[in-house]
Amino acid sequence: MDPIERFFQAGLKLSHLRLLTMFDSLGQIRLVAEKLNVTQPAVSKQLAELEAGLGVPVLSRVGNRLFFTPVGETLMRRAREVFHQLEQARFEVDALTSGISGKISVGAVATVMPVFAPELVIELKKRAPHVNVSFYEATSDRLFPMLAAGALDFVLSRTGPPRVEASAFASHAVLDDPIVVVCGREHPLAARRTVVASDLAGLPWILPPREAPTFLALQAWMHERELKFPDGCVQSISLQANEAMIASYPFLAIMPLAVARQGVNREKLVILPLEGARFLETVQLFYNDSSANPVLPVALGCIEIAEKRISTLLLT
């Protein structure tokens, strides 16, 4: 066993990692010592222990200031992840031991709701079975005002809020699940190994509402290829109804890849191999990080687990 591996297994302490995150936030050994209510030599001693265990410095002096070395920067970044995970674990353990109750209100756009809602409920029931869950499906322009007003605890969307509102929410990407073009197994294009944009000319579509970001993305793709939607298209946001219509009539439609894969596995759908026809690939999570709802941290932890499960399914 090499020295670094031995140190990580037996010598590295949470107190070492906490020093790194605190130095990153405060910038001075003196301020770190004051925050911990210890002496500066005590802080320096712990840093020396850390550097001795690693065999390399984590801080370097430039003039009168200390800066992270590349090793220190890497370890500090990972330390923040460790403390974030521990904080999530604290909330989850509290939920399991104290029987946390309350309510969580979730908003999602139509192309995200069927992907995340079942997985989120399953995880919440494992971790906080007494929590009431409500889902609200709408377009993003309706969801973000509800989030700002506190009517929703978080929103799952493929597009962000207007720039003026964006700073009000914490956000991060949770899943790569592009919108793809699909058809039924009996569709004239279904058996083709290659499909080009011109093959879609004149074919009927099931389309989302014209104000929906998914429609606008598809419309832009069609316009770039000098294609238009013909008369006789159907407007629908119900993915379940869309699948039924696709099975009985040669429509084209767009769906999230996760949902389309389920239809393929049921031998109901075919995903068309169209170049460039993958839209709004990233699902994002938006929430108010100053929320006082005690259920929110537990729900956010459940989202992380749901995302990993969905990502695994998308890779199979």
Protein backbone atom coordinates (compact mmCIF):
# COMPACT_ATOMS: atom_id res chain seq x y z
CA MET A 1 0.00 0.00 0.00
CA ASP A 2 1.52 3.34 -1.02
CA PRO A 3 1.76 6.19 1.55
CA ILE A 4 -1.03 8.29 0.05
CA GLU A 5 -3.45 5.36 -0.01
CA ARG A 6 -2.51 4.54 3.61
CA PHE A 7 -3.09 8.16 4.63
CA PHE A 8 -6.50 8.31 2.94
CA GLN A 9 -7.57 5.09 4.63
CA ALA A 10 -6.23 5.74 8.13
CA GLY A 11 -4.84 9.24 8.56
CA LEU A 12 -7.15 11.65 6.77
CA LYS A 13 -9.70 13.26 9.10
CA LEU A 14 -12.80 15.35 8.56
CA SER A 15 -11.06 18.12 10.50
CA HIS A 16 -8.38 18.26 7.78
CA LEU A 17 -11.03 18.63 5.09
CA ARG A 18 -12.92 21.23 7.12
CA LEU A 19 -9.78 23.36 7.37
CA LEU A 20 -9.44 23.37 3.59
CA THR A 21 -13.03 24.46 2.99
CA MET A 22 -12.77 27.13 5.67
CA PHE A 23 -9.51 28.48 4.26
CA ASP A 24 -11.16 28.64 0.83
CA SER A 25 -14.01 30.69 2.32
CA LEU A 26 -11.99 32.92 4.66
CA GLY A 27 -8.62 33.18 2.91
CA GLN A 28 -6.43 33.54 6.03
CA ILE A 29 -5.13 31.14 8.68
CA ARG A 30 -5.86 33.77 11.33
CA LEU A 31 -9.54 33.97 10.35
CA VAL A 32 -9.82 30.18 10.26
CA ALA A 33 -8.39 29.99 13.78
CA GLU A 34 -10.80 32.66 15.02
CA LYS A 35 -13.75 30.86 13.45
CA LEU A 36 -12.75 27.58 15.12
CA ASN A 37 -11.85 29.33 18.38
CA VAL A 38 -8.36 27.82 18.38
CA THR A 39 -4.84 29.25 18.05
CA GLN A 40 -3.11 29.82 14.73
CA PRO A 41 -0.37 27.28 15.65
CA ALA A 42 -3.11 24.66 16.16
CA VAL A 43 -4.42 25.29 12.65
CA SER A 44 -0.90 25.24 11.21
CA LYS A 45 -0.23 21.93 12.99
CA GLN A 46 -3.27 20.28 11.37
CA LEU A 47 -2.25 21.59 7.96
CA ALA A 48 1.26 20.22 8.54
CA GLU A 49 -0.25 16.81 9.42
CA LEU A 50 -2.22 16.87 6.18
CA GLU A 51 0.79 17.80 4.07
CA ALA A 52 2.98 15.20 5.79
CA GLY A 53 0.40 12.51 5.07
CA LEU A 54 0.09 13.50 1.42
CA GLY A 55 3.80 14.10 0.96
CA VAL A 56 3.11 17.35 -0.91
CA PRO A 57 2.07 20.87 0.13
CA VAL A 58 -1.57 21.94 -0.07
CA LEU A 59 -0.81 25.65 0.37
CA SER A 60 1.96 27.79 -1.09
CA ARG A 61 3.06 31.27 -0.11
CA VAL A 62 3.25 34.07 -2.66
CA GLY A 63 4.47 37.23 -0.97
CA ASN A 64 2.39 37.64 2.18
CA ARG A 65 -0.49 35.51 0.96
CA LEU A 66 -1.22 31.80 0.93
CA PHE A 67 -2.79 30.07 -2.06
CA PHE A 68 -3.90 26.51 -2.75
CA THR A 69 -1.53 24.32 -4.69
CA PRO A 70 -3.14 22.16 -7.43
CA VAL A 71 -3.29 19.28 -4.94
CA GLY A 72 -4.84 21.53 -2.29
CA GLU A 73 -7.38 22.91 -4.76
CA THR A 74 -8.42 19.40 -5.80
CA LEU A 75 -8.71 18.18 -2.22
CA MET A 76 -10.66 21.28 -1.17
CA ARG A 77 -13.15 20.82 -4.01
CA ARG A 78 -13.70 17.18 -3.06
CA ALA A 79 -13.99 18.17 0.59
CA ARG A 80 -16.92 20.43 -0.27
CA GLU A 81 -18.61 17.49 -1.98
CA VAL A 82 -18.04 15.33 1.12
CA PHE A 83 -19.62 17.89 3.44
CA HIS A 84 -22.53 18.38 1.06
CA GLN A 85 -23.17 14.63 1.07
CA LEU A 86 -22.90 14.52 4.86
CA GLU A 87 -25.43 17.34 5.13
CA GLN A 88 -27.80 15.45 2.86
CA ALA A 89 -27.27 12.32 4.96
CA ARG A 90 -28.08 14.28 8.11
CA PHE A 91 -31.42 15.40 6.70
CA GLU A 92 -32.23 11.90 5.47
CA VAL A 93 -31.34 10.23 8.77
CA ASP A 94 -33.40 12.84 10.59
CA ALA A 95 -36.31 12.08 8.29
CA LEU A 96 -36.03 8.34 8.94
CA THR A 97 -35.59 8.58 12.70
CA SER A 98 -37.97 11.40 13.54
CA GLY A 99 -40.69 10.54 11.07
CA ILE A 100 -40.50 13.90 9.29
CA SER A 101 -43.79 15.03 7.86
CA GLY A 102 -44.94 17.92 5.76
CA LYS A 103 -45.56 18.68 2.13
CA ILE A 104 -43.47 19.06 -0.99
CA SER A 105 -44.85 20.71 -4.12
CA VAL A 106 -43.15 19.85 -7.38
CA GLY A 107 -43.54 21.62 -10.71
CA ALA A 108 -42.41 20.08 -13.98
CA VAL A 109 -42.89 20.55 -17.69
CA ALA A 110 -44.76 17.86 -19.61
CA THR A 111 -41.59 16.31 -21.06
CA VAL A 112 -40.05 15.85 -17.61
CA MET A 113 -42.98 14.90 -15.37
CA PRO A 114 -43.41 11.26 -16.56
CA VAL A 115 -39.67 10.69 -16.30
CA PHE A 116 -39.07 12.01 -12.78
CA ALA A 117 -42.40 11.81 -10.93
CA PRO A 118 -42.51 8.00 -10.42
CA GLU A 119 -38.86 7.77 -9.35
CA LEU A 120 -39.17 10.75 -6.99
CA VAL A 121 -42.23 9.32 -5.27
CA ILE A 122 -40.56 5.93 -4.81
CA GLU A 123 -37.51 7.49 -3.14
CA LEU A 124 -39.56 9.86 -0.98
CA LYS A 125 -41.67 6.98 0.30
CA LYS A 126 -38.49 5.17 1.31
CA ARG A 127 -36.99 8.14 3.15
CA ALA A 128 -39.97 10.17 4.35
CA PRO A 129 -43.14 8.08 4.05
CA HIS A 130 -45.29 10.62 5.92
CA VAL A 131 -44.60 13.47 3.49
CA ASN A 132 -47.44 14.55 1.21
CA VAL A 133 -46.41 15.15 -2.39
CA SER A 134 -48.20 17.25 -4.98
CA PHE A 135 -47.24 17.59 -8.65
CA TYR A 136 -48.11 20.47 -10.94
CA GLU A 137 -47.52 20.08 -14.68
CA ALA A 138 -47.39 23.22 -16.82
CA THR A 139 -45.19 25.15 -19.21
CA SER A 140 -42.10 26.79 -17.74
CA ASP A 141 -43.50 30.31 -18.09
CA ARG A 142 -46.22 29.34 -15.60
CA LEU A 143 -44.02 27.31 -13.27
CA PHE A 144 -41.34 29.89 -12.47
CA PRO A 145 -43.76 32.55 -11.14
CA MET A 146 -45.23 29.84 -8.88
CA LEU A 147 -41.74 28.96 -7.65
CA ALA A 148 -41.00 32.63 -6.98
CA ALA A 149 -44.26 32.98 -5.03
CA GLY A 150 -43.50 29.93 -2.87
CA ALA A 151 -46.35 27.86 -4.32
CA LEU A 152 -43.79 25.31 -5.55
CA ASP A 153 -40.71 24.00 -3.75
CA PHE A 154 -38.78 23.20 -6.90
CA VAL A 155 -39.19 23.06 -10.66
CA LEU A 156 -37.83 20.61 -13.22
CA SER A 157 -37.57 22.22 -16.64
CA ARG A 158 -35.60 22.08 -19.87
CA THR A 159 -35.34 25.87 -20.03
CA GLY A 160 -34.51 28.46 -17.40
CA PRO A 161 -36.51 31.44 -16.17
CA PRO A 162 -36.18 34.89 -17.74
CA ARG A 163 -32.77 36.41 -17.04
CA VAL A 164 -34.22 38.96 -14.63
CA GLU A 165 -35.58 36.13 -12.44
CA ALA A 166 -32.71 33.66 -12.80
CA SER A 167 -30.65 35.00 -9.87
CA ALA A 168 -33.54 34.33 -7.49
CA PHE A 169 -33.13 30.55 -7.77
CA ALA A 170 -30.43 28.00 -7.16
CA SER A 171 -30.12 25.60 -10.07
CA HIS A 172 -28.11 22.75 -11.51
CA ALA A 173 -28.36 20.21 -14.30
CA VAL A 174 -29.79 16.88 -13.19
CA LEU A 175 -30.13 14.77 -16.33
CA ASP A 176 -29.23 14.52 -20.00
CA ASP A 177 -32.48 13.38 -21.63
CA PRO A 178 -32.83 14.88 -25.12
CA ILE A 179 -36.09 15.30 -26.98
CA VAL A 180 -36.09 12.94 -29.99
CA VAL A 181 -38.32 12.32 -33.01
CA VAL A 182 -40.41 9.13 -32.91
CA CYS A 183 -42.98 7.27 -34.97
CA GLY A 184 -45.00 4.06 -34.72
CA ARG A 185 -43.62 0.68 -35.76
CA GLU A 186 -45.88 0.60 -38.82
CA HIS A 187 -44.84 4.05 -40.02
CA PRO A 188 -43.27 4.15 -43.52
CA LEU A 189 -40.01 5.48 -42.02
CA ALA A 190 -39.82 3.00 -39.15
CA ALA A 191 -37.82 0.31 -40.93
CA ARG A 192 -35.22 2.64 -42.43
CA ARG A 193 -31.66 2.53 -41.16
CA THR A 194 -31.05 6.08 -42.32
CA VAL A 195 -33.53 8.94 -42.37
CA VAL A 196 -32.81 12.42 -43.71
CA ALA A 197 -34.73 15.61 -43.07
CA SER A 198 -36.32 15.68 -46.53
CA ASP A 199 -38.01 12.35 -45.77
CA LEU A 200 -40.24 14.23 -43.31
CA ALA A 201 -41.70 16.59 -45.91
CA GLY A 202 -45.50 16.62 -45.85
CA LEU A 203 -45.83 14.07 -43.02
CA PRO A 204 -48.34 14.79 -40.23
CA TRP A 205 -47.18 15.57 -36.70
CA ILE A 206 -48.41 15.46 -33.13
CA LEU A 207 -47.06 18.73 -31.75
CA PRO A 208 -46.74 20.43 -28.36
CA PRO A 209 -48.33 23.88 -27.88
CA ARG A 210 -46.80 26.54 -30.10
CA GLU A 211 -45.48 28.51 -27.11
CA ALA A 212 -43.68 25.46 -25.68
CA PRO A 213 -39.85 25.47 -25.89
CA THR A 214 -39.99 21.96 -27.39
CA PHE A 215 -42.15 23.21 -30.27
CA LEU A 216 -39.89 26.21 -30.85
CA ALA A 217 -36.79 23.98 -30.93
CA LEU A 218 -38.40 21.57 -33.42
CA GLN A 219 -39.72 24.44 -35.52
CA ALA A 220 -36.23 25.98 -35.72
CA TRP A 221 -34.78 22.61 -36.79
CA MET A 222 -37.46 22.28 -39.49
CA HIS A 223 -36.95 25.86 -40.67
CA GLU A 224 -33.19 25.35 -41.05
CA ARG A 225 -33.99 22.44 -43.39
CA GLU A 226 -36.68 24.34 -45.29
CA LEU A 227 -39.45 22.11 -43.94
CA LYS A 228 -42.91 23.17 -42.79
CA PHE A 229 -45.59 21.49 -40.71
CA PRO A 230 -48.41 20.44 -43.05
CA ASP A 231 -52.10 20.94 -42.43
CA GLY A 232 -53.73 18.20 -40.37
CA CYS A 233 -51.33 18.19 -37.41
CA VAL A 234 -52.57 17.45 -33.89
CA GLN A 235 -51.66 19.48 -30.79
CA SER A 236 -51.29 17.44 -27.61
CA ILE A 237 -49.16 17.49 -24.44
CA SER A 238 -50.26 14.04 -23.23
CA LEU A 239 -47.41 11.63 -23.90
CA GLN A 240 -49.67 8.67 -23.15
CA ALA A 241 -52.30 9.85 -25.64
CA ASN A 242 -49.59 10.63 -28.17
CA GLU A 243 -48.24 7.09 -28.03
CA ALA A 244 -51.73 5.70 -28.60
CA MET A 245 -52.30 7.99 -31.61
CA ILE A 246 -48.89 7.13 -33.07
CA ALA A 247 -49.76 3.43 -32.86
CA SER A 248 -52.94 3.88 -34.91
CA TYR A 249 -51.93 6.55 -37.46
CA PRO A 250 -48.64 7.45 -39.23
CA PHE A 251 -47.87 10.51 -37.14
CA LEU A 252 -44.45 11.83 -36.24
CA ALA A 253 -43.96 13.19 -32.73
CA ILE A 254 -41.29 14.29 -30.27
CA MET A 255 -40.69 12.72 -26.86
CA PRO A 256 -38.03 12.63 -24.14
CA LEU A 257 -35.52 9.88 -24.85
CA ALA A 258 -36.32 8.18 -21.51
CA VAL A 259 -40.02 7.93 -22.43
CA ALA A 260 -39.29 6.96 -26.04
CA ARG A 261 -37.02 4.12 -24.87
CA GLN A 262 -39.91 2.72 -22.83
CA GLY A 263 -42.10 2.79 -25.95
CA VAL A 264 -39.38 1.05 -27.95
CA ASN A 265 -39.09 -1.66 -25.28
CA ARG A 266 -42.87 -2.17 -25.45
CA GLU A 267 -42.53 -2.50 -29.23
CA LYS A 268 -44.77 0.54 -29.76
CA LEU A 269 -42.32 3.19 -30.97
CA VAL A 270 -39.28 3.73 -33.16
CA ILE A 271 -36.74 6.50 -32.56
CA LEU A 272 -35.83 8.02 -35.92
CA PRO A 273 -32.06 8.41 -36.53
CA LEU A 274 -32.28 12.01 -37.72
CA GLU A 275 -29.04 14.00 -37.69
CA GLY A 276 -29.20 16.97 -35.32
CA ALA A 277 -32.73 16.13 -34.16
CA ARG A 278 -32.00 16.01 -30.42
CA PHE A 279 -33.46 19.03 -28.66
CA LEU A 280 -33.25 20.64 -25.20
CA GLU A 281 -31.03 17.85 -23.93
CA THR A 282 -30.53 18.97 -20.33
CA VAL A 283 -33.15 18.77 -17.58
CA GLN A 284 -32.48 21.41 -14.91
CA LEU A 285 -33.57 21.69 -11.30
CA PHE A 286 -34.54 25.11 -9.90
CA TYR A 287 -35.28 25.84 -6.24
CA ASN A 288 -35.07 28.52 -3.57
CA ASP A 289 -32.05 27.62 -1.43
CA SER A 290 -33.31 29.82 1.41
CA SER A 291 -36.52 27.80 1.69
CA ALA A 292 -37.60 26.97 5.24
CA ASN A 293 -39.39 23.78 4.14
CA PRO A 294 -37.64 20.96 6.09
CA VAL A 295 -38.72 18.44 3.46
CA LEU A 296 -36.86 20.19 0.62
CA PRO A 297 -33.34 18.84 1.40
CA VAL A 298 -34.73 15.31 1.62
CA ALA A 299 -36.55 15.74 -1.71
CA LEU A 300 -33.42 17.12 -3.37
CA GLY A 301 -31.50 14.08 -2.18
CA CYS A 302 -34.21 11.88 -3.70
CA ILE A 303 -33.84 13.73 -7.01
CA GLU A 304 -30.13 12.85 -7.05
CA ILE A 305 -30.89 9.16 -6.59
CA ALA A 306 -33.69 9.26 -9.18
CA GLU A 307 -31.34 10.91 -11.67
CA LYS A 308 -28.76 8.15 -11.26
CA ARG A 309 -31.38 5.46 -11.82
CA ILE A 310 -32.80 7.19 -14.91
CA SER A 311 -29.31 7.79 -16.32
CA THR A 312 -28.53 4.09 -15.93
CA LEU A 313 -31.69 3.19 -17.85
CA LEU A 314 -30.78 5.62 -20.64
CA LEU A 315 -27.40 3.93 -21.05
CA THR A 316 -28.89 0.45 -21.47
